[in-house]
């Protein structure tokens, strides 16, 4: 289990459990969906489609496994 400070830390926290080095690094929406990812291309296509077919005419379905 991570130390208490890792559970609510806005920054990276490392701790050692036995021989294992554990790292908690909070994610932000920008880190996951920002300009450094491929999602900006997906959102551009969605925006173009919405311009052509209307906001209600476009749906994005994503599955993760």
PDB file of N, CA and C in Angstrom:
ATOM      1  N   UNK A   1       0.841  -1.177   0.000  1.00  0.00           N
ATOM      2  CA  UNK A   1       0.000   0.000   0.000  1.00  0.00           C
ATOM      3  C   UNK A   1       0.888   1.243   0.000  1.00  0.00           C
ATOM      4  N   UNK A   2       0.537   2.255  -0.801  1.00  0.00           N
ATOM      5  CA  UNK A   2       1.374   3.455  -0.838  1.00  0.00           C
ATOM      6  C   UNK A   2       1.309   4.218   0.478  1.00  0.00           C
ATOM      7  N   UNK A   3       2.339   4.983   0.746  1.00  0.00           N
ATOM      8  CA  UNK A   3       2.297   5.809   1.944  1.00  0.00           C
ATOM      9  C   UNK A   3       1.156   6.819   1.852  1.00  0.00           C
ATOM     10  N   UNK A   4       0.696   7.299   2.972  1.00  0.00           N
ATOM     11  CA  UNK A   4      -0.442   8.216   3.013  1.00  0.00           C
ATOM     12  C   UNK A   4      -0.204   9.440   2.134  1.00  0.00           C
ATOM     13  N   UNK A   5       0.995  10.003   2.129  1.00  0.00           N
ATOM     14  CA  UNK A   5       1.256  11.203   1.336  1.00  0.00           C
ATOM     15  C   UNK A   5       1.138  10.954  -0.163  1.00  0.00           C
ATOM     16  N   UNK A   6       1.296   9.719  -0.602  1.00  0.00           N
ATOM     17  CA  UNK A   6       1.182   9.409  -2.032  1.00  0.00           C
ATOM     18  C   UNK A   6      -0.270   9.412  -2.484  1.00  0.00           C
ATOM     19  N   UNK A   7      -1.178   9.140  -1.581  1.00  0.00           N
ATOM     20  CA  UNK A   7      -2.588   9.025  -1.959  1.00  0.00           C
ATOM     21  C   UNK A   7      -3.214  10.353  -2.365  1.00  0.00           C
ATOM     22  N   UNK A   8      -2.676  11.445  -1.898  1.00  0.00           N
ATOM     23  CA  UNK A   8      -3.265  12.741  -2.238  1.00  0.00           C
ATOM     24  C   UNK A   8      -2.236  13.727  -2.776  1.00  0.00           C
ATOM     25  N   UNK A   9      -1.075  13.249  -3.112  1.00  0.00           N
ATOM     26  CA  UNK A   9      -0.010  14.130  -3.576  1.00  0.00           C
ATOM     27  C   UNK A   9      -0.247  14.597  -5.006  1.00  0.00           C
ATOM     28  N   UNK A  10      -0.061  15.888  -5.267  1.00  0.00           N
ATOM     29  CA  UNK A  10      -0.176  16.375  -6.637  1.00  0.00           C
ATOM     30  C   UNK A  10       1.118  16.156  -7.431  1.00  0.00           C
ATOM     31  N   UNK A  11       2.132  15.599  -6.786  1.00  0.00           N
ATOM     32  CA  UNK A  11       3.433  15.386  -7.430  1.00  0.00           C
ATOM     33  C   UNK A  11       3.839  13.922  -7.351  1.00  0.00           C
ATOM     34  N   UNK A  12       4.882  13.585  -8.051  1.00  0.00           N
ATOM     35  CA  UNK A  12       5.433  12.228  -8.079  1.00  0.00           C
ATOM     36  C   UNK A  12       5.953  11.837  -6.698  1.00  0.00           C
ATOM     37  N   UNK A  13       5.640  10.618  -6.271  1.00  0.00           N
ATOM     38  CA  UNK A  13       6.103  10.091  -4.987  1.00  0.00           C
ATOM     39  C   UNK A  13       6.666   8.695  -5.237  1.00  0.00           C
ATOM     40  N   UNK A  14       7.843   8.411  -4.696  1.00  0.00           N
ATOM     41  CA  UNK A  14       8.449   7.077  -4.792  1.00  0.00           C
ATOM     42  C   UNK A  14       8.580   6.493  -3.405  1.00  0.00           C
ATOM     43  N   UNK A  15       8.434   5.164  -3.308  1.00  0.00           N
ATOM     44  CA  UNK A  15       8.672   4.473  -2.064  1.00  0.00           C
ATOM     45  C   UNK A  15       9.143   3.065  -2.378  1.00  0.00           C
ATOM     46  N   UNK A  16       9.766   2.437  -1.407  1.00  0.00           N
ATOM     47  CA  UNK A  16      10.317   1.092  -1.590  1.00  0.00           C
ATOM     48  C   UNK A  16       9.552   0.128  -0.699  1.00  0.00           C
ATOM     49  N   UNK A  17       9.128  -0.976  -1.294  1.00  0.00           N
ATOM     50  CA  UNK A  17       8.462  -2.050  -0.568  1.00  0.00           C
ATOM     51  C   UNK A  17       9.243  -3.318  -0.856  1.00  0.00           C
ATOM     52  N   UNK A  18      10.006  -3.763   0.125  1.00  0.00           N
ATOM     53  CA  UNK A  18      10.864  -4.919  -0.096  1.00  0.00           C
ATOM     54  C   UNK A  18      11.904  -4.591  -1.152  1.00  0.00           C
ATOM     55  N   UNK A  19      11.938  -5.381  -2.238  1.00  0.00           N
ATOM     56  CA  UNK A  19      12.875  -5.143  -3.338  1.00  0.00           C
ATOM     57  C   UNK A  19      12.259  -4.326  -4.469  1.00  0.00           C
ATOM     58  N   UNK A  20      11.028  -3.888  -4.283  1.00  0.00           N
ATOM     59  CA  UNK A  20      10.286  -3.214  -5.342  1.00  0.00           C
ATOM     60  C   UNK A  20      10.261  -1.706  -5.111  1.00  0.00           C
ATOM     61  N   UNK A  21      10.611  -0.950  -6.155  1.00  0.00           N
ATOM     62  CA  UNK A  21      10.507   0.505  -6.104  1.00  0.00           C
ATOM     63  C   UNK A  21       9.171   0.882  -6.743  1.00  0.00           C
ATOM     64  N   UNK A  22       8.309   1.529  -5.976  1.00  0.00           N
ATOM     65  CA  UNK A  22       6.978   1.914  -6.443  1.00  0.00           C
ATOM     66  C   UNK A  22       6.960   3.407  -6.721  1.00  0.00           C
ATOM     67  N   UNK A  23       6.169   3.803  -7.701  1.00  0.00           N
ATOM     68  CA  UNK A  23       6.072   5.208  -8.066  1.00  0.00           C
ATOM     69  C   UNK A  23       4.599   5.560  -8.257  1.00  0.00           C
ATOM     70  N   UNK A  24       4.193   6.658  -7.625  1.00  0.00           N
ATOM     71  CA  UNK A  24       2.875   7.235  -7.868  1.00  0.00           C
ATOM     72  C   UNK A  24       3.099   8.532  -8.615  1.00  0.00           C
ATOM     73  N   UNK A  25       2.458   8.664  -9.761  1.00  0.00           N
ATOM     74  CA  UNK A  25       2.567   9.880 -10.542  1.00  0.00           C
ATOM     75  C   UNK A  25       1.165  10.263 -11.000  1.00  0.00           C
ATOM     76  N   UNK A  26       0.626  11.359 -10.477  1.00  0.00           N
ATOM     77  CA  UNK A  26      -0.746  11.725 -10.837  1.00  0.00           C
ATOM     78  C   UNK A  26      -0.856  12.067 -12.319  1.00  0.00           C
ATOM     79  N   UNK A  27      -1.998  11.726 -12.889  1.00  0.00           N
ATOM     80  CA  UNK A  27      -2.261  12.040 -14.286  1.00  0.00           C
ATOM     81  C   UNK A  27      -3.156  13.259 -14.373  1.00  0.00           C
ATOM     82  N   UNK A  28      -2.941  14.047 -15.392  1.00  0.00           N
ATOM     83  CA  UNK A  28      -3.815  15.177 -15.662  1.00  0.00           C
ATOM     84  C   UNK A  28      -4.502  14.936 -17.000  1.00  0.00           C
ATOM     85  N   UNK A  29      -5.570  15.651 -17.227  1.00  0.00           N
ATOM     86  CA  UNK A  29      -6.249  15.529 -18.516  1.00  0.00           C
ATOM     87  C   UNK A  29      -5.302  15.910 -19.647  1.00  0.00           C
ATOM     88  N   UNK A  30      -4.469  16.917 -19.427  1.00  0.00           N
ATOM     89  CA  UNK A  30      -3.513  17.335 -20.445  1.00  0.00           C
ATOM     90  C   UNK A  30      -2.485  16.273 -20.762  1.00  0.00           C
ATOM     91  N   UNK A  31      -2.061  15.527 -19.734  1.00  0.00           N
ATOM     92  CA  UNK A  31      -1.079  14.469 -19.952  1.00  0.00           C
ATOM     93  C   UNK A  31      -1.675  13.319 -20.757  1.00  0.00           C
ATOM     94  N   UNK A  32      -2.961  13.077 -20.573  1.00  0.00           N
ATOM     95  CA  UNK A  32      -3.615  11.960 -21.243  1.00  0.00           C
ATOM     96  C   UNK A  32      -4.184  12.367 -22.606  1.00  0.00           C
ATOM     97  N   UNK A  33      -4.732  13.572 -22.685  1.00  0.00           N
ATOM     98  CA  UNK A  33      -5.426  14.003 -23.897  1.00  0.00           C
ATOM     99  C   UNK A  33      -4.792  15.202 -24.586  1.00  0.00           C
ATOM    100  N   UNK A  34      -3.660  15.660 -24.096  1.00  0.00           N
ATOM    101  CA  UNK A  34      -3.054  16.902 -24.566  1.00  0.00           C
ATOM    102  C   UNK A  34      -2.412  16.843 -25.933  1.00  0.00           C
ATOM    103  N   UNK A  35      -1.767  17.936 -26.272  1.00  0.00           N
ATOM    104  CA  UNK A  35      -1.202  18.103 -27.611  1.00  0.00           C
ATOM    105  C   UNK A  35      -0.041  17.157 -27.902  1.00  0.00           C
ATOM    106  N   UNK A  36       0.531  16.552 -26.902  1.00  0.00           N
ATOM    107  CA  UNK A  36       1.633  15.600 -27.102  1.00  0.00           C
ATOM    108  C   UNK A  36       1.126  14.196 -27.434  1.00  0.00           C
ATOM    109  N   UNK A  37      -0.191  14.007 -27.468  1.00  0.00           N
ATOM    110  CA  UNK A  37      -0.773  12.692 -27.739  1.00  0.00           C
ATOM    111  C   UNK A  37      -1.411  12.682 -29.126  1.00  0.00           C
ATOM    112  N   UNK A  38      -1.888  11.536 -29.549  1.00  0.00           N
ATOM    113  CA  UNK A  38      -2.571  11.406 -30.840  1.00  0.00           C
ATOM    114  C   UNK A  38      -4.039  11.824 -30.750  1.00  0.00           C
ATOM    115  N   UNK A  39      -4.534  12.082 -29.552  1.00  0.00           N
ATOM    116  CA  UNK A  39      -5.937  12.430 -29.384  1.00  0.00           C
ATOM    117  C   UNK A  39      -6.293  13.752 -30.062  1.00  0.00           C
ATOM    118  N   UNK A  40      -5.340  14.663 -30.196  1.00  0.00           N
ATOM    119  CA  UNK A  40      -5.661  15.941 -30.850  1.00  0.00           C
ATOM    120  C   UNK A  40      -6.128  15.712 -32.283  1.00  0.00           C
ATOM    121  N   UNK A  41      -5.582  14.720 -32.957  1.00  0.00           N
ATOM    122  CA  UNK A  41      -6.009  14.392 -34.325  1.00  0.00           C
ATOM    123  C   UNK A  41      -7.436  13.836 -34.318  1.00  0.00           C
ATOM    124  N   UNK A  42      -7.716  12.985 -33.347  1.00  0.00           N
ATOM    125  CA  UNK A  42      -9.064  12.420 -33.227  1.00  0.00           C
ATOM    126  C   UNK A  42     -10.072  13.540 -32.991  1.00  0.00           C
ATOM    127  N   UNK A  43      -9.753  14.457 -32.079  1.00  0.00           N
ATOM    128  CA  UNK A  43     -10.667  15.547 -31.772  1.00  0.00           C
ATOM    129  C   UNK A  43     -10.849  16.478 -32.967  1.00  0.00           C
ATOM    130  N   UNK A  44      -9.813  16.659 -33.770  1.00  0.00           N
ATOM    131  CA  UNK A  44      -9.932  17.488 -34.973  1.00  0.00           C
ATOM    132  C   UNK A  44     -10.893  16.848 -35.976  1.00  0.00           C
ATOM    133  N   UNK A  45     -10.816  15.547 -36.123  1.00  0.00           N
ATOM    134  CA  UNK A  45     -11.727  14.839 -37.031  1.00  0.00           C
ATOM    135  C   UNK A  45     -13.160  14.934 -36.508  1.00  0.00           C
ATOM    136  N   UNK A  46     -13.335  14.758 -35.202  1.00  0.00           N
ATOM    137  CA  UNK A  46     -14.669  14.856 -34.618  1.00  0.00           C
ATOM    138  C   UNK A  46     -15.237  16.254 -34.836  1.00  0.00           C
ATOM    139  N   UNK A  47     -14.419  17.261 -34.645  1.00  0.00           N
ATOM    140  CA  UNK A  47     -14.857  18.640 -34.837  1.00  0.00           C
ATOM    141  C   UNK A  47     -15.260  18.886 -36.293  1.00  0.00           C
ATOM    142  N   UNK A  48     -14.494  18.363 -37.236  1.00  0.00           N
ATOM    143  CA  UNK A  48     -14.822  18.507 -38.651  1.00  0.00           C
ATOM    144  C   UNK A  48     -16.132  17.792 -38.984  1.00  0.00           C
ATOM    145  N   UNK A  49     -16.303  16.602 -38.451  1.00  0.00           N
ATOM    146  CA  UNK A  49     -17.547  15.861 -38.690  1.00  0.00           C
ATOM    147  C   UNK A  49     -18.746  16.581 -38.078  1.00  0.00           C
ATOM    148  N   UNK A  50     -18.560  17.143 -36.881  1.00  0.00           N
ATOM    149  CA  UNK A  50     -19.642  17.882 -36.244  1.00  0.00           C
ATOM    150  C   UNK A  50     -19.998  19.122 -37.047  1.00  0.00           C
ATOM    151  N   UNK A  51     -19.004  19.738 -37.667  1.00  0.00           N
ATOM    152  CA  UNK A  51     -19.282  20.875 -38.529  1.00  0.00           C
ATOM    153  C   UNK A  51     -20.101  20.486 -39.747  1.00  0.00           C
ATOM    154  N   UNK A  52     -19.900  19.295 -40.209  1.00  0.00           N
ATOM    155  CA  UNK A  52     -20.614  18.804 -41.408  1.00  0.00           C
ATOM    156  C   UNK A  52     -21.980  18.223 -41.078  1.00  0.00           C
ATOM    157  N   UNK A  53     -22.067  17.439 -39.977  1.00  0.00           N
ATOM    158  CA  UNK A  53     -23.290  16.703 -39.658  1.00  0.00           C
ATOM    159  C   UNK A  53     -24.006  17.199 -38.400  1.00  0.00           C
ATOM    160  N   UNK A  54     -23.445  18.188 -37.713  1.00  0.00           N
ATOM    161  CA  UNK A  54     -24.045  18.694 -36.477  1.00  0.00           C
ATOM    162  C   UNK A  54     -23.526  17.938 -35.264  1.00  0.00           C
ATOM    163  N   UNK A  55     -23.614  18.596 -34.113  1.00  0.00           N
ATOM    164  CA  UNK A  55     -23.099  17.983 -32.875  1.00  0.00           C
ATOM    165  C   UNK A  55     -23.784  16.660 -32.547  1.00  0.00           C
ATOM    166  N   UNK A  56     -25.072  16.570 -32.821  1.00  0.00           N
ATOM    167  CA  UNK A  56     -25.806  15.340 -32.513  1.00  0.00           C
ATOM    168  C   UNK A  56     -25.568  14.235 -33.533  1.00  0.00           C
ATOM    169  N   UNK A  57     -24.867  14.546 -34.613  1.00  0.00           N
ATOM    170  CA  UNK A  57     -24.624  13.557 -35.658  1.00  0.00           C
ATOM    171  C   UNK A  57     -23.283  12.857 -35.551  1.00  0.00           C
ATOM    172  N   UNK A  58     -22.565  13.114 -34.448  1.00  0.00           N
ATOM    173  CA  UNK A  58     -21.230  12.529 -34.274  1.00  0.00           C
ATOM    174  C   UNK A  58     -21.149  11.876 -32.906  1.00  0.00           C
ATOM    175  N   UNK A  59     -20.582  10.674 -32.866  1.00  0.00           N
ATOM    176  CA  UNK A  59     -20.393   9.976 -31.607  1.00  0.00           C
ATOM    177  C   UNK A  59     -19.020   9.315 -31.625  1.00  0.00           C
ATOM    178  N   UNK A  60     -18.302   9.378 -30.523  1.00  0.00           N
ATOM    179  CA  UNK A  60     -17.020   8.704 -30.366  1.00  0.00           C
ATOM    180  C   UNK A  60     -17.193   7.600 -29.341  1.00  0.00           C
ATOM    181  N   UNK A  61     -16.881   6.384 -29.734  1.00  0.00           N
ATOM    182  CA  UNK A  61     -16.943   5.240 -28.843  1.00  0.00           C
ATOM    183  C   UNK A  61     -15.528   4.689 -28.717  1.00  0.00           C
ATOM    184  N   UNK A  62     -15.040   4.572 -27.491  1.00  0.00           N
ATOM    185  CA  UNK A  62     -13.677   4.108 -27.244  1.00  0.00           C
ATOM    186  C   UNK A  62     -13.737   2.925 -26.283  1.00  0.00           C
ATOM    187  N   UNK A  63     -12.965   1.899 -26.561  1.00  0.00           N
ATOM    188  CA  UNK A  63     -12.888   0.742 -25.679  1.00  0.00           C
ATOM    189  C   UNK A  63     -11.420   0.508 -25.310  1.00  0.00           C
ATOM    190  N   UNK A  64     -11.185   0.199 -24.081  1.00  0.00           N
ATOM    191  CA  UNK A  64      -9.841  -0.117 -23.589  1.00  0.00           C
ATOM    192  C   UNK A  64      -9.856  -1.521 -23.028  1.00  0.00           C
ATOM    193  N   UNK A  65      -8.810  -2.261 -23.302  1.00  0.00           N
ATOM    194  CA  UNK A  65      -8.726  -3.601 -22.699  1.00  0.00           C
ATOM    195  C   UNK A  65      -7.413  -3.797 -22.042  1.00  0.00           C
TER     196      UNK A  65
END
